């Protein structure tokens, strides 16, 4: 039985992880829960699963990781505040089931240096797909990674057509049910840019060998192309419980956690190139990732400020990525990435983003 500590238990990833645990009695034991602001739901979860150790907020979650013995820490916290719990889990020798991509992207070398080989298991459906496909060949045989994107609610729209997008439209994702930040990031494709950086850090593949392709059906979750010309895909109906279950018990699969594809029904899967002009976030993220040091942290922090401003009615939709680029271009990264330089860069980026937003 694996002892599971779930951070972000009251959010989308956390509640679906508890669905997996609930459906598989005897396979997992929940030893700790950390929620966001919903104390009522956290208390209900703790009562249902008999959990004595709980916390609210990222700082308390980090302490919970240090205090509670577990085999797997599922980090489902949203935002860069998840970095502390991520590092704590790695330093404690836990398997890290990582849904909080921001902590890896922001922490960069700080996180990868703290991780033993195989200690980080991705929860994002795209990176879970790549991890599964990579088991089909040697690392030296990989030619490139292909990360799929649904295209979000504005797939096929021109930049001009997105001029007057409002928050309700941005949150109307055609495939996934996610929180406000991630759903908005999917609409701007900032999320896909973050996933490209995450793929580079997880799998050690150069940015020039990581591509994004739009696949609106969200059945193929990503692909690995090998040097012999073959491509291995991971395909399943969209259901986050599948990659969550794999991360909780990697590399073992849990029977019945998701429904299979119905091969008796006619279906079409389509793939389209990414429109970099309408959605420049991926191109910008590759530049940021290649620059390294504190640039990814600045990219992420500026985005978080811009997304909040968009939902508050203080920033147009298209200005989200414009603001990120403006802040990134103004940033002067220190020579070394340390916890101190990272914290300072994040503070600077949030202030710079706020100033840029106020000046519009």
Protein backbone atom coordinates (compact mmCIF):
# COMPACT_ATOMS: atom_id res chain seq x y z
CA UNK A 1 0.00 0.00 0.00
CA UNK A 2 1.39 3.38 -0.98
CA UNK A 3 1.16 6.24 1.48
CA UNK A 4 0.00 9.35 -0.37
CA UNK A 5 0.28 12.99 0.66
CA UNK A 6 -1.94 15.22 -1.50
CA UNK A 7 -1.17 18.92 -1.81
CA UNK A 8 -3.93 20.99 -3.38
CA UNK A 9 -6.51 18.41 -2.33
CA UNK A 10 -9.46 20.80 -2.72
CA UNK A 11 -8.58 21.72 -6.32
CA UNK A 12 -9.21 19.92 -9.60
CA UNK A 13 -6.18 17.62 -9.47
CA UNK A 14 -6.58 16.89 -5.78
CA UNK A 15 -10.27 15.97 -5.93
CA UNK A 16 -9.66 13.69 -8.90
CA UNK A 17 -6.76 12.05 -7.08
CA UNK A 18 -9.12 11.30 -4.22
CA UNK A 19 -11.53 9.79 -6.76
CA UNK A 20 -8.73 7.37 -7.72
CA UNK A 21 -8.01 6.54 -4.08
CA UNK A 22 -11.71 6.11 -3.33
CA UNK A 23 -12.12 3.66 -6.21
CA UNK A 24 -9.11 1.59 -5.16
CA UNK A 25 -9.45 0.71 -1.48
CA UNK A 26 -6.43 -1.15 -0.16
CA UNK A 27 -4.05 0.23 -2.77
CA UNK A 28 -3.42 3.69 -1.30
CA UNK A 29 -3.47 5.29 2.14
CA UNK A 30 -3.93 9.04 2.32
CA UNK A 31 -1.65 10.24 5.14
CA UNK A 32 -1.97 13.98 4.65
CA UNK A 33 -4.01 16.63 2.86
CA UNK A 34 -3.22 20.26 2.11
CA UNK A 35 -5.92 22.47 0.64
CA UNK A 36 -6.23 26.01 -0.62
CA UNK A 37 -8.82 28.34 0.88
CA UNK A 38 -11.70 25.83 1.17
CA UNK A 39 -11.35 24.67 4.75
CA UNK A 40 -14.85 23.18 4.76
CA UNK A 41 -14.03 20.82 1.88
CA UNK A 42 -10.63 19.99 3.39
CA UNK A 43 -12.34 18.96 6.62
CA UNK A 44 -14.82 16.81 4.71
CA UNK A 45 -11.99 15.07 2.85
CA UNK A 46 -10.03 14.47 6.03
CA UNK A 47 -13.08 12.96 7.72
CA UNK A 48 -13.86 10.67 4.77
CA UNK A 49 -10.32 9.32 4.41
CA UNK A 50 -9.44 9.27 8.11
CA UNK A 51 -6.61 11.79 7.71
CA UNK A 52 -5.18 13.40 10.84
CA UNK A 53 -2.57 15.63 9.19
CA UNK A 54 -3.97 18.61 7.24
CA UNK A 55 -2.83 22.07 6.22
CA UNK A 56 -4.10 25.18 4.47
CA UNK A 57 -1.82 27.17 2.17
CA UNK A 58 1.51 26.53 0.47
CA UNK A 59 3.78 27.30 3.44
CA UNK A 60 1.82 24.95 5.67
CA UNK A 61 1.86 22.33 2.89
CA UNK A 62 5.66 22.54 2.77
CA UNK A 63 5.84 21.88 6.50
CA UNK A 64 3.41 18.98 6.12
CA UNK A 65 5.75 17.38 3.57
CA UNK A 66 8.59 17.57 6.10
CA UNK A 67 6.52 16.27 9.02
CA UNK A 68 4.48 13.43 7.49
CA UNK A 69 5.95 10.12 6.37
CA UNK A 70 4.79 9.26 2.86
CA UNK A 71 5.86 7.34 -0.22
CA UNK A 72 4.39 9.75 -2.78
CA UNK A 73 3.75 13.49 -2.62
CA UNK A 74 1.22 14.68 -5.19
CA UNK A 75 1.82 18.40 -5.71
CA UNK A 76 -1.39 19.76 -7.18
CA UNK A 77 -0.91 23.34 -5.91
CA UNK A 78 -1.43 26.06 -8.51
CA UNK A 79 1.32 28.59 -9.18
CA UNK A 80 4.94 29.16 -8.27
CA UNK A 81 4.11 28.97 -4.56
CA UNK A 82 4.37 25.21 -5.10
CA UNK A 83 8.17 25.43 -5.36
CA UNK A 84 8.80 25.06 -1.63
CA UNK A 85 6.72 21.86 -1.31
CA UNK A 86 8.34 20.46 -4.46
CA UNK A 87 11.86 20.95 -3.09
CA UNK A 88 10.83 19.63 0.31
CA UNK A 89 9.44 16.44 -1.23
CA UNK A 90 12.57 15.85 -3.30
CA UNK A 91 14.94 16.51 -0.40
CA UNK A 92 12.93 14.13 1.78
CA UNK A 93 13.39 11.38 -0.81
CA UNK A 94 9.70 11.09 -1.69
CA UNK A 95 8.44 10.23 -5.15
CA UNK A 96 7.06 13.52 -6.47
CA UNK A 97 3.90 13.23 -8.56
CA UNK A 98 4.15 16.64 -10.17
CA UNK A 99 1.05 18.49 -11.33
CA UNK A 100 2.46 21.85 -10.21
CA UNK A 101 4.46 22.49 -13.38
CA UNK A 102 5.25 26.05 -12.28
CA UNK A 103 7.55 24.83 -9.50
CA UNK A 104 9.73 22.91 -11.97
CA UNK A 105 9.70 25.71 -14.52
CA UNK A 106 10.48 28.44 -12.00
CA UNK A 107 12.94 26.34 -9.99
CA UNK A 108 14.72 24.99 -13.06
CA UNK A 109 18.17 23.71 -12.11
CA UNK A 110 17.35 24.03 -8.40
CA UNK A 111 14.68 21.38 -8.83
CA UNK A 112 16.47 19.10 -11.28
CA UNK A 113 19.60 19.13 -9.11
CA UNK A 114 17.56 18.08 -6.07
CA UNK A 115 15.86 15.19 -7.90
CA UNK A 116 17.24 11.68 -8.13
CA UNK A 117 16.73 9.85 -11.45
CA UNK A 118 13.07 8.90 -11.79
CA UNK A 119 12.05 10.73 -8.61
CA UNK A 120 9.77 13.16 -10.47
CA UNK A 121 6.77 11.54 -12.15
CA UNK A 122 4.70 13.96 -14.30
CA UNK A 123 0.95 14.32 -13.83
CA UNK A 124 0.21 16.63 -16.77
CA UNK A 125 -1.44 14.47 -19.43
CA UNK A 126 1.08 15.57 -22.06
CA UNK A 127 4.15 14.71 -20.01
CA UNK A 128 2.62 11.51 -18.72
CA UNK A 129 2.05 10.54 -22.35
CA UNK A 130 5.67 11.29 -23.21
CA UNK A 131 6.92 9.33 -20.19
CA UNK A 132 4.84 6.34 -21.28
CA UNK A 133 5.99 6.58 -24.90
CA UNK A 134 9.64 6.88 -23.90
CA UNK A 135 9.47 3.39 -22.46
CA UNK A 136 9.30 2.21 -26.08
CA UNK A 137 12.92 3.08 -26.89
CA UNK A 138 16.32 4.23 -25.68
CA UNK A 139 16.95 7.90 -24.96
CA UNK A 140 19.58 7.97 -27.73
CA UNK A 141 16.90 6.86 -30.19
CA UNK A 142 14.61 9.86 -29.60
CA UNK A 143 14.44 12.36 -32.45
CA UNK A 144 11.86 14.76 -31.04
CA UNK A 145 8.94 15.23 -28.70
CA UNK A 146 5.58 16.36 -30.04
CA UNK A 147 3.36 18.03 -27.43
CA UNK A 148 -0.30 18.18 -28.40
CA UNK A 149 -2.60 21.13 -27.66
CA UNK A 150 -6.38 21.26 -27.89
CA UNK A 151 -6.09 24.83 -29.18
CA UNK A 152 -8.36 26.08 -26.41
CA UNK A 153 -11.62 27.96 -26.91
CA UNK A 154 -10.13 30.24 -29.59
CA UNK A 155 -8.62 27.65 -31.92
CA UNK A 156 -8.73 29.00 -35.47
CA UNK A 157 -9.33 32.58 -34.36
CA UNK A 158 -7.14 35.36 -35.70
CA UNK A 159 -5.50 37.85 -33.38
CA UNK A 160 -8.01 40.50 -34.48
CA UNK A 161 -10.95 38.22 -33.61
CA UNK A 162 -9.64 37.89 -30.03
CA UNK A 163 -9.56 41.64 -29.42
CA UNK A 164 -12.71 41.74 -27.29
CA UNK A 165 -12.52 38.32 -25.58
CA UNK A 166 -14.00 38.37 -22.07
CA UNK A 167 -13.23 36.13 -19.06
CA UNK A 168 -16.29 33.94 -19.56
CA UNK A 169 -15.17 33.12 -23.09
CA UNK A 170 -11.62 32.41 -21.95
CA UNK A 171 -12.87 29.98 -19.31
CA UNK A 172 -15.05 28.01 -21.76
CA UNK A 173 -12.44 25.33 -22.50
CA UNK A 174 -13.74 22.74 -24.99
CA UNK A 175 -12.12 19.70 -23.36
CA UNK A 176 -10.76 20.07 -19.83
CA UNK A 177 -12.30 21.23 -16.55
CA UNK A 178 -9.53 23.16 -14.77
CA UNK A 179 -9.10 26.08 -12.40
CA UNK A 180 -9.18 29.74 -13.46
CA UNK A 181 -5.44 30.20 -13.92
CA UNK A 182 -4.76 27.01 -15.88
CA UNK A 183 -7.88 27.42 -18.02
CA UNK A 184 -6.93 30.99 -18.94
CA UNK A 185 -3.39 29.84 -19.67
CA UNK A 186 -4.84 27.26 -22.02
CA UNK A 187 -6.79 29.96 -23.84
CA UNK A 188 -3.65 32.08 -24.37
CA UNK A 189 -1.52 28.94 -24.92
CA UNK A 190 0.80 30.15 -22.17
CA UNK A 191 0.09 26.77 -20.60
CA UNK A 192 1.50 25.04 -23.68
CA UNK A 193 4.57 27.24 -23.52
CA UNK A 194 5.06 26.24 -19.88
CA UNK A 195 4.64 22.60 -20.88
CA UNK A 196 7.39 22.91 -23.49
CA UNK A 197 9.77 24.20 -20.79
CA UNK A 198 8.60 21.41 -18.49
CA UNK A 199 9.23 18.78 -21.18
CA UNK A 200 12.77 20.07 -21.66
CA UNK A 201 13.50 19.92 -17.93
CA UNK A 202 11.88 16.53 -17.38
CA UNK A 203 13.28 14.68 -20.37
CA UNK A 204 16.46 16.55 -21.30
CA UNK A 205 15.41 17.16 -24.91
CA UNK A 206 16.56 20.40 -26.56
CA UNK A 207 14.00 23.08 -27.38
CA UNK A 208 14.75 22.73 -31.08
CA UNK A 209 13.50 19.12 -30.80
CA UNK A 210 10.23 19.87 -28.99
CA UNK A 211 7.27 20.78 -31.20
CA UNK A 212 3.66 21.69 -30.50
CA UNK A 213 0.80 20.50 -32.70
CA UNK A 214 -2.88 21.36 -32.33
CA UNK A 215 -5.12 18.31 -31.85
CA UNK A 216 -8.64 19.52 -30.95
CA UNK A 217 -10.04 16.08 -30.07
CA UNK A 218 -7.59 15.74 -27.14
CA UNK A 219 -7.33 11.98 -27.64
CA UNK A 220 -3.62 11.83 -28.48
CA UNK A 221 -2.00 13.39 -25.43
CA UNK A 222 1.51 13.67 -26.89
CA UNK A 223 3.98 11.72 -29.02
CA UNK A 224 7.61 10.67 -29.21
CA UNK A 225 9.25 10.42 -32.61
CA UNK A 226 12.23 8.07 -32.85
CA UNK A 227 15.26 8.11 -35.11
CA UNK A 228 14.00 5.21 -37.23
CA UNK A 229 10.99 7.29 -38.31
CA UNK A 230 8.44 5.66 -36.03
CA UNK A 231 6.22 7.66 -33.69
CA UNK A 232 4.73 6.27 -30.50
CA UNK A 233 1.57 8.00 -29.27
CA UNK A 234 -0.38 7.69 -26.06
CA UNK A 235 -4.09 7.96 -26.73
CA UNK A 236 -7.13 7.85 -24.46
CA UNK A 237 -10.34 9.81 -23.94
CA UNK A 238 -9.55 12.97 -21.94
CA UNK A 239 -9.67 12.07 -18.25
CA UNK A 240 -7.05 13.35 -15.82
CA UNK A 241 -7.60 10.41 -13.50
CA UNK A 242 -5.54 8.27 -15.86
CA UNK A 243 -2.26 10.25 -15.60
CA UNK A 244 -2.96 10.91 -11.91
CA UNK A 245 -3.29 7.19 -11.21
CA UNK A 246 -0.09 6.43 -13.10
CA UNK A 247 1.81 9.04 -11.12
CA UNK A 248 0.49 7.75 -7.80
CA UNK A 249 1.65 4.19 -8.52
CA UNK A 250 4.24 4.64 -11.28
CA UNK A 251 5.01 2.61 -13.34
CA UNK A 252 2.02 0.42 -12.53
CA UNK A 253 -1.37 0.84 -14.18
CA UNK A 254 -4.66 0.72 -12.31
CA UNK A 255 -7.40 -1.27 -14.01
CA UNK A 256 -10.60 0.57 -14.85
CA UNK A 257 -9.42 4.05 -13.87
CA UNK A 258 -10.44 5.47 -17.25
CA UNK A 259 -12.59 4.37 -20.14
CA UNK A 260 -10.88 3.07 -23.29
CA UNK A 261 -11.36 4.39 -26.81
CA UNK A 262 -14.38 2.88 -28.55
CA UNK A 263 -12.80 1.40 -31.67
CA UNK A 264 -16.18 0.22 -32.98
CA UNK A 265 -17.36 3.82 -33.52
CA UNK A 266 -16.23 5.93 -36.46
CA UNK A 267 -14.04 8.84 -35.43
CA UNK A 268 -11.62 11.34 -36.92
CA UNK A 269 -8.51 12.75 -35.29
CA UNK A 270 -7.07 15.91 -36.77
CA UNK A 271 -3.74 17.66 -36.33
CA UNK A 272 -2.99 21.27 -37.23
CA UNK A 273 0.11 23.47 -37.06
CA UNK A 274 0.22 26.05 -34.29
CA UNK A 275 -0.55 29.62 -35.41
CA UNK A 276 2.41 31.45 -33.87
CA UNK A 277 1.12 34.84 -34.97
CA UNK A 278 -2.21 34.53 -33.18
CA UNK A 279 -0.71 32.61 -30.23
CA UNK A 280 2.89 33.78 -29.69
CA UNK A 281 3.18 32.39 -26.14
CA UNK A 282 4.85 29.11 -27.16
CA UNK A 283 7.50 30.87 -29.24
CA UNK A 284 8.19 33.25 -26.34
CA UNK A 285 8.36 30.37 -23.85
CA UNK A 286 11.00 28.59 -25.94
CA UNK A 287 13.14 31.74 -25.89
CA UNK A 288 12.66 32.08 -22.17
CA UNK A 289 13.44 28.43 -21.52
CA UNK A 290 16.61 28.56 -23.61
CA UNK A 291 17.74 31.69 -21.73
CA UNK A 292 17.30 29.84 -18.44
CA UNK A 293 18.36 31.30 -15.08
CA UNK A 294 15.54 33.51 -13.74
CA UNK A 295 13.83 34.13 -17.08
CA UNK A 296 11.25 31.31 -16.72
CA UNK A 297 10.36 32.60 -13.25
CA UNK A 298 9.84 36.08 -14.66
CA UNK A 299 7.71 34.69 -17.50
CA UNK A 300 5.51 32.80 -15.04
CA UNK A 301 5.19 35.60 -12.47
CA UNK A 302 4.29 38.19 -15.11
CA UNK A 303 1.67 35.82 -16.48
CA UNK A 304 0.08 35.27 -13.08
CA UNK A 305 -0.24 39.03 -12.57
CA UNK A 306 -1.60 39.56 -16.08
CA UNK A 307 -4.18 36.78 -15.78
CA UNK A 308 -5.49 38.23 -12.51
CA UNK A 309 -5.69 41.67 -14.13
CA UNK A 310 -7.61 40.24 -17.09
CA UNK A 311 -10.19 38.64 -14.82
CA UNK A 312 -10.45 41.85 -12.80
CA UNK A 313 -11.27 43.77 -15.99
CA UNK A 314 -8.00 45.75 -15.91
CA UNK A 315 -6.32 44.13 -18.94
CA UNK A 316 -7.53 42.99 -22.38
CA UNK A 317 -7.08 39.33 -23.27
CA UNK A 318 -4.44 39.90 -25.94
CA UNK A 319 -2.43 42.07 -23.55
CA UNK A 320 -1.73 39.07 -21.29
CA UNK A 321 1.05 37.72 -23.50
CA UNK A 322 2.06 41.24 -24.56
CA UNK A 323 2.63 42.09 -20.89
CA UNK A 324 4.66 38.92 -20.31
CA UNK A 325 6.90 39.72 -23.28
CA UNK A 326 7.38 43.31 -22.18
CA UNK A 327 8.46 42.21 -18.69
CA UNK A 328 10.73 39.44 -20.00
CA UNK A 329 12.43 41.87 -22.40
CA UNK A 330 13.10 44.30 -19.54
CA UNK A 331 14.56 41.66 -17.23
CA UNK A 332 18.29 41.43 -16.58
CA UNK A 333 18.96 37.97 -15.18
CA UNK A 334 21.68 37.37 -12.61
CA UNK A 335 24.54 35.08 -13.52
CA UNK A 336 23.49 32.43 -11.01
CA UNK A 337 20.15 30.87 -10.06
CA UNK A 338 19.81 30.65 -6.30
CA UNK A 339 16.78 30.75 -3.99
CA UNK A 340 17.60 34.40 -3.25
CA UNK A 341 17.99 35.52 -6.88
CA UNK A 342 14.86 33.56 -7.79
CA UNK A 343 12.78 35.24 -5.09
CA UNK A 344 14.08 38.67 -6.08
CA UNK A 345 13.36 38.04 -9.77
CA UNK A 346 9.80 36.98 -8.99
CA UNK A 347 9.21 40.10 -6.89
CA UNK A 348 10.65 42.28 -9.62
CA UNK A 349 8.56 40.60 -12.31
CA UNK A 350 5.30 41.02 -10.40
CA UNK A 351 6.04 44.69 -9.75
CA UNK A 352 7.08 45.23 -13.38
CA UNK A 353 3.93 43.50 -14.64
CA UNK A 354 1.74 45.56 -12.32
CA UNK A 355 3.37 48.77 -13.56
CA UNK A 356 2.93 47.74 -17.18
CA UNK A 357 -0.72 46.89 -16.57
CA UNK A 358 -1.41 50.17 -14.77
CA UNK A 359 0.25 52.14 -17.58
CA UNK A 360 -2.11 50.80 -20.25
